[in-house]
Amino acid sequence: MSITGYGIVQASEEQVENLTFGGIHARRGATFAEKLLTIHQGIHQVIQEYQPDFCAVEEVFYHQNQKTAIVMAHARAAAMLAAARNGIPVAEYSPREVKMSIVGNGNASKVQIQAMVKNILHLPEVPQPEDAADALAVALCHFHRLRFQTLTRQENRNRKKR
């Protein structure tokens, strides 16, 4: 939990572009509580600067190392709390759902996801730290979900008019 990635995208009806991405770095030697506070404050600062309409996070997944899964759940909670404190709705997506949305394969590798994020957002190189590429992938997944919901509503309205 030394780095927590974030990514902000801006979307129109058909396009999505990168606004910013990066990592929130906990200082070496910080206590667990201090690391969580750093995540919360860092996400709060990004929210204040970019004023996003939505927050999307990856769901906790089963991990071979239970301690790692628990630590990740705490980090997620700190980020979600920052969003909630700012009145921003939070959406959650499973790792498989993110991979399907970005690569079209629920078993895609990290390298494949990073390459697709780079391509979709027309970035000169893969976002670093890799946690930022993951965060951008989740943001793109949310964009795809919202776009799908909009298209579905439009199609339903068109059917009713016929």
Protein backbone atom coordinates (compact mmCIF):
# COMPACT_ATOMS: atom_id res chain seq x y z
CA MET A 1 0.00 0.00 0.00
CA SER A 2 2.89 2.33 -0.59
CA ILE A 3 1.34 3.66 -3.84
CA THR A 4 -2.32 4.18 -4.64
CA GLY A 5 -3.05 5.02 -8.24
CA TYR A 6 -5.61 7.50 -9.51
CA GLY A 7 -6.77 8.58 -12.93
CA ILE A 8 -9.17 11.25 -14.15
CA VAL A 9 -10.75 11.10 -17.59
CA GLN A 10 -13.08 13.53 -19.31
CA ALA A 11 -15.81 12.09 -21.47
CA SER A 12 -18.17 13.33 -24.11
CA GLU A 13 -20.86 11.18 -25.71
CA GLU A 14 -18.42 9.38 -27.98
CA GLN A 15 -14.92 10.19 -26.74
CA VAL A 16 -12.88 9.97 -23.62
CA GLU A 17 -9.59 11.70 -22.89
CA ASN A 18 -7.06 11.67 -20.10
CA LEU A 19 -7.01 14.67 -17.75
CA THR A 20 -4.48 13.41 -15.24
CA PHE A 21 -3.14 10.35 -13.51
CA GLY A 22 -0.58 9.56 -10.88
CA GLY A 23 0.14 7.85 -7.63
CA ILE A 24 -0.36 8.80 -4.03
CA HIS A 25 2.79 7.77 -2.19
CA ALA A 26 2.78 6.94 1.50
CA ARG A 27 5.96 7.96 3.26
CA ARG A 28 8.38 5.28 4.30
CA GLY A 29 7.93 4.17 7.86
CA ALA A 30 4.37 5.50 8.10
CA THR A 31 1.97 3.57 10.27
CA PHE A 32 -0.95 1.81 8.62
CA ALA A 33 -3.33 4.52 9.85
CA GLU A 34 -1.03 7.24 8.48
CA LYS A 35 -0.96 5.49 5.09
CA LEU A 36 -4.76 5.41 5.01
CA LEU A 37 -4.87 9.09 5.92
CA THR A 38 -2.40 9.86 3.11
CA ILE A 39 -4.65 8.04 0.62
CA HIS A 40 -7.74 9.83 1.87
CA GLN A 41 -6.08 13.25 1.76
CA GLY A 42 -4.51 12.59 -1.65
CA ILE A 43 -7.80 11.52 -3.24
CA HIS A 44 -9.56 14.46 -1.57
CA GLN A 45 -6.97 16.83 -3.08
CA VAL A 46 -7.41 15.34 -6.58
CA ILE A 47 -11.19 15.66 -6.20
CA GLN A 48 -10.88 19.29 -5.13
CA GLU A 49 -8.66 20.09 -8.11
CA TYR A 50 -10.59 18.24 -10.86
CA GLN A 51 -14.17 18.16 -9.50
CA PRO A 52 -15.12 14.80 -11.04
CA ASP A 53 -18.76 13.76 -11.43
CA PHE A 54 -18.11 10.11 -10.58
CA CYS A 55 -15.68 7.91 -8.74
CA ALA A 56 -15.03 4.34 -9.82
CA VAL A 57 -13.02 1.80 -7.87
CA GLU A 58 -12.07 -1.79 -8.37
CA GLU A 59 -13.80 -4.28 -6.10
CA VAL A 60 -11.69 -6.30 -3.71
CA PHE A 61 -10.95 -9.63 -5.30
CA TYR A 62 -9.90 -12.91 -3.83
CA HIS A 63 -6.17 -12.84 -3.37
CA GLN A 64 -3.91 -15.73 -2.46
CA ASN A 65 -2.50 -13.59 0.31
CA GLN A 66 -5.41 -12.62 2.57
CA LYS A 67 -3.39 -9.88 4.23
CA THR A 68 -2.85 -8.20 0.85
CA ALA A 69 -6.58 -8.36 0.09
CA ILE A 70 -7.40 -6.81 3.46
CA VAL A 71 -4.86 -4.00 3.00
CA MET A 72 -6.27 -3.28 -0.47
CA ALA A 73 -9.79 -3.18 0.97
CA HIS A 74 -8.70 -0.56 3.49
CA ALA A 75 -7.07 1.56 0.78
CA ARG A 76 -10.25 1.33 -1.30
CA ALA A 77 -12.31 2.41 1.68
CA ALA A 78 -10.12 5.47 2.25
CA ALA A 79 -10.58 6.51 -1.40
CA MET A 80 -14.33 5.83 -1.33
CA LEU A 81 -14.69 7.87 1.86
CA ALA A 82 -12.96 10.83 0.19
CA ALA A 83 -15.42 10.60 -2.72
CA ALA A 84 -18.43 10.25 -0.40
CA ARG A 85 -17.31 13.25 1.67
CA ASN A 86 -17.36 15.28 -1.54
CA GLY A 87 -20.81 14.05 -2.60
CA ILE A 88 -19.48 12.00 -5.51
CA PRO A 89 -21.25 8.74 -6.33
CA VAL A 90 -18.99 5.69 -6.25
CA ALA A 91 -19.26 2.79 -8.69
CA GLU A 92 -17.49 -0.51 -8.14
CA TYR A 93 -16.25 -2.92 -10.80
CA SER A 94 -14.73 -6.37 -10.52
CA PRO A 95 -11.25 -6.87 -11.97
CA ARG A 96 -12.77 -9.21 -14.57
CA GLU A 97 -15.33 -6.58 -15.58
CA VAL A 98 -12.57 -3.97 -16.00
CA LYS A 99 -10.50 -6.36 -18.12
CA MET A 100 -13.50 -7.23 -20.30
CA SER A 101 -14.32 -3.56 -20.79
CA ILE A 102 -10.78 -2.53 -21.73
CA VAL A 103 -9.32 -5.57 -23.51
CA GLY A 104 -12.37 -7.71 -24.29
CA ASN A 105 -10.93 -10.58 -22.29
CA GLY A 106 -11.67 -11.12 -18.61
CA ASN A 107 -8.35 -12.91 -18.20
CA ALA A 108 -6.23 -10.16 -19.77
CA SER A 109 -2.78 -9.56 -18.37
CA LYS A 110 -1.63 -6.36 -16.70
CA VAL A 111 0.57 -5.64 -19.73
CA GLN A 112 -2.42 -5.97 -22.09
CA ILE A 113 -4.50 -3.62 -19.94
CA GLN A 114 -1.70 -1.06 -19.79
CA ALA A 115 -1.24 -1.18 -23.57
CA MET A 116 -4.97 -0.72 -24.20
CA VAL A 117 -5.21 2.18 -21.73
CA LYS A 118 -2.31 3.82 -23.56
CA ASN A 119 -4.02 3.28 -26.93
CA ILE A 120 -7.55 4.26 -25.90
CA LEU A 121 -6.36 7.50 -24.30
CA HIS A 122 -3.77 8.22 -27.03
CA LEU A 123 -0.98 8.50 -24.48
CA PRO A 124 2.66 8.63 -25.60
CA GLU A 125 3.59 5.84 -23.18
CA VAL A 126 2.06 3.48 -20.62
CA PRO A 127 0.97 5.43 -17.53
CA GLN A 128 3.27 5.16 -14.54
CA PRO A 129 3.09 4.11 -11.82
CA GLU A 130 1.31 0.95 -12.96
CA ASP A 131 -1.33 1.61 -10.29
CA ALA A 132 -2.27 4.74 -12.27
CA ALA A 133 -2.78 2.61 -15.40
CA ASP A 134 -5.08 0.38 -13.34
CA ALA A 135 -7.00 3.42 -12.09
CA LEU A 136 -7.41 4.74 -15.64
CA ALA A 137 -8.65 1.30 -16.71
CA VAL A 138 -11.34 1.45 -14.01
CA ALA A 139 -12.29 4.99 -15.11
CA LEU A 140 -12.58 3.81 -18.72
CA CYS A 141 -14.70 0.87 -17.60
CA HIS A 142 -17.06 3.31 -15.90
CA PHE A 143 -17.18 5.47 -19.03
CA HIS A 144 -18.11 2.39 -21.09
CA ARG A 145 -20.83 1.45 -18.58
CA LEU A 146 -22.34 4.95 -18.62
CA ARG A 147 -22.19 5.07 -22.41
CA PHE A 148 -23.90 1.68 -22.66
CA GLN A 149 -26.64 2.80 -20.27
CA THR A 150 -27.19 5.98 -22.31
CA LEU A 151 -27.39 4.05 -25.57
CA THR A 152 -29.79 1.53 -24.02
CA ARG A 153 -32.09 4.32 -22.77
CA GLN A 154 -32.06 5.95 -26.21
CA GLU A 155 -32.88 2.65 -27.89
CA ASN A 156 -35.75 2.04 -25.46
CA ARG A 157 -37.16 5.52 -26.15
CA ASN A 158 -36.92 4.91 -29.89
CA ARG A 159 -38.79 1.59 -29.54
CA LYS A 160 -41.58 3.28 -27.59
CA LYS A 161 -41.97 5.91 -30.33
CA ARG A 162 -42.48 3.27 -33.03
